[in-house]
Every structure is written in structure tokens, then in C-alpha cells.
Amino acid sequence: MRKLKYRVWNKEKECYFMFDTTIGFAGTEKVWGEIEQYIGLKDKNGKDIYGGDQFMLHGKLITVVYRLCCFYGEHKEPDGIFLAGIVDEIEIIGNIHEETT
């Protein structure tokens, strides 16, 4: 069974806080921002993938999103790319809060 891990973006300090429990999250969206969950997969470099992470695929910037009880990669339209099939090809290059390089 995969370990449940989360991160929360702190708007004031512009950094992430990492958690391995949801205890104490009530109301954090109002103060900090969206809670982002580890999706249970790693990119080709072994980096944990979280909702909100971004990567390039076929020249398009893709964002990891949670839709319909599953994590997908989305470009501008919610077309949905199932991540499990391409995880060996992707490299996380940023996230929705920090400038993607």
C-alpha cells in the first residue's frame, strides 16, 4: 500500500509544507491554498508526483489534476492523459504555484 503524502502551498512564504497525514488540514485552503496529494507515482528521475505538478509532453505543458476519482495530466482542455502509462517518460519541471522552468 502506498504512503499517503500531502503538500500545502503557503501563500505568504511562497513555499510548500509537506505532510504525511491529513490531521489539522481543516480550513487550510483559506489561509494557505489547495492541498495537493502524492499520486503514488514517481517521474523518470524518481521524484514524487503530486497534483499540481507540471511536465512537458510532445511540446505541451501538462498539469497533473484530480478528476473523476483519478489523477490525469491535462493541457488546456480537460482531455485527460492517464499518467500510469507514461510515467517512465515524464520529468516534473515545476508546479502550478512556482514558475515552471
Protein backbone atom coordinates (compact mmCIF):
# COMPACT_ATOMS: atom_id res chain seq x y z
CA MET A 1 0.00 0.00 0.00
CA ARG A 2 1.34 3.44 -0.91
CA LYS A 3 2.09 6.00 1.75
CA LEU A 4 -0.30 8.95 1.79
CA LYS A 5 1.65 12.19 1.49
CA TYR A 6 0.44 15.74 1.01
CA ARG A 7 1.81 19.20 0.44
CA VAL A 8 0.19 22.58 1.01
CA TRP A 9 1.33 25.82 -0.62
CA ASN A 10 1.90 28.67 1.84
CA LYS A 11 0.86 31.85 0.01
CA GLU A 12 2.72 34.21 2.35
CA LYS A 13 6.09 32.41 2.39
CA GLU A 14 5.72 31.08 -1.19
CA CYS A 15 6.86 27.59 -0.30
CA TYR A 16 5.43 24.13 0.32
CA PHE A 17 4.82 22.43 3.65
CA MET A 18 4.92 18.64 3.42
CA PHE A 19 2.68 16.33 5.47
CA ASP A 20 2.09 12.59 5.76
CA THR A 21 -1.27 12.98 7.48
CA THR A 22 -4.44 15.00 6.95
CA ILE A 23 -4.83 15.80 10.65
CA GLY A 24 -5.10 19.55 11.12
CA PHE A 25 -5.92 20.39 7.48
CA ALA A 26 -9.38 21.80 8.25
CA GLY A 27 -9.55 25.30 6.81
CA THR A 28 -6.02 25.38 5.37
CA GLU A 29 -7.28 26.33 1.89
CA LYS A 30 -8.45 29.69 3.26
CA VAL A 31 -5.06 30.51 4.78
CA TRP A 32 -2.55 28.78 2.51
CA GLY A 33 -4.05 27.19 -0.55
CA GLU A 34 -5.01 23.92 -2.11
CA ILE A 35 -3.95 20.64 -0.53
CA GLU A 36 -2.06 18.55 -3.10
CA GLN A 37 -1.79 14.78 -2.75
CA TYR A 38 1.07 12.50 -3.78
CA ILE A 39 -0.37 10.38 -6.58
CA GLY A 40 1.64 7.25 -5.80
CA LEU A 41 3.88 7.53 -8.88
CA LYS A 42 7.39 8.87 -9.48
CA ASP A 43 8.75 10.54 -12.61
CA LYS A 44 11.65 9.12 -14.64
CA ASN A 45 14.13 10.65 -12.15
CA GLY A 46 12.43 9.10 -9.11
CA LYS A 47 10.76 12.36 -8.00
CA ASP A 48 7.37 12.04 -6.28
CA ILE A 49 4.49 13.32 -8.43
CA TYR A 50 1.80 15.45 -6.74
CA GLY A 51 -1.40 17.01 -8.02
CA GLY A 52 -0.47 20.42 -9.41
CA ASP A 53 2.91 19.28 -10.76
CA GLN A 54 3.78 20.09 -14.36
CA PHE A 55 5.75 18.35 -17.10
CA MET A 56 6.30 18.64 -20.86
CA LEU A 57 4.89 16.04 -23.26
CA HIS A 58 5.09 16.41 -27.06
CA GLY A 59 5.85 20.12 -26.69
CA LYS A 60 2.86 20.83 -24.43
CA LEU A 61 2.91 21.88 -20.78
CA ILE A 62 0.84 19.29 -18.89
CA THR A 63 -0.56 19.77 -15.36
CA VAL A 64 -1.38 16.86 -13.03
CA VAL A 65 -5.03 17.15 -11.93
CA TYR A 66 -7.51 15.05 -9.95
CA ARG A 67 -10.71 14.33 -11.90
CA LEU A 68 -13.32 11.60 -11.65
CA CYS A 69 -11.53 9.80 -8.80
CA CYS A 70 -8.24 9.55 -10.71
CA PHE A 71 -5.13 11.64 -11.42
CA TYR A 72 -4.65 12.75 -15.02
CA GLY A 73 -2.41 15.04 -16.99
CA GLU A 74 -4.20 17.93 -18.68
CA HIS A 75 -3.16 20.54 -21.20
CA LYS A 76 -5.52 23.45 -21.89
CA GLU A 77 -8.58 21.30 -22.42
CA PRO A 78 -9.63 18.62 -19.92
CA ASP A 79 -8.81 15.83 -22.37
CA GLY A 80 -7.01 13.78 -19.73
CA ILE A 81 -3.82 11.76 -20.16
CA PHE A 82 -3.68 8.68 -17.97
CA LEU A 83 -0.34 9.03 -16.16
CA ALA A 84 0.40 5.42 -15.21
CA GLY A 85 1.12 4.53 -18.84
CA ILE A 86 3.64 7.32 -19.44
CA VAL A 87 5.30 7.78 -16.04
CA ASP A 88 8.65 6.45 -17.34
CA GLU A 89 8.68 9.21 -19.96
CA ILE A 90 7.86 12.27 -17.87
CA GLU A 91 10.06 14.59 -15.85
CA ILE A 92 8.47 17.00 -13.39
CA ILE A 93 9.68 20.50 -14.24
CA GLY A 94 7.54 22.62 -11.94
CA ASN A 95 4.11 23.13 -10.43
CA ILE A 96 1.13 25.46 -10.60
CA HIS A 97 2.47 27.78 -7.86
CA GLU A 98 6.09 28.31 -8.89
CA GLU A 99 7.32 29.43 -12.28
CA THR A 100 7.94 26.39 -14.48
CA THR A 101 11.41 26.28 -15.98
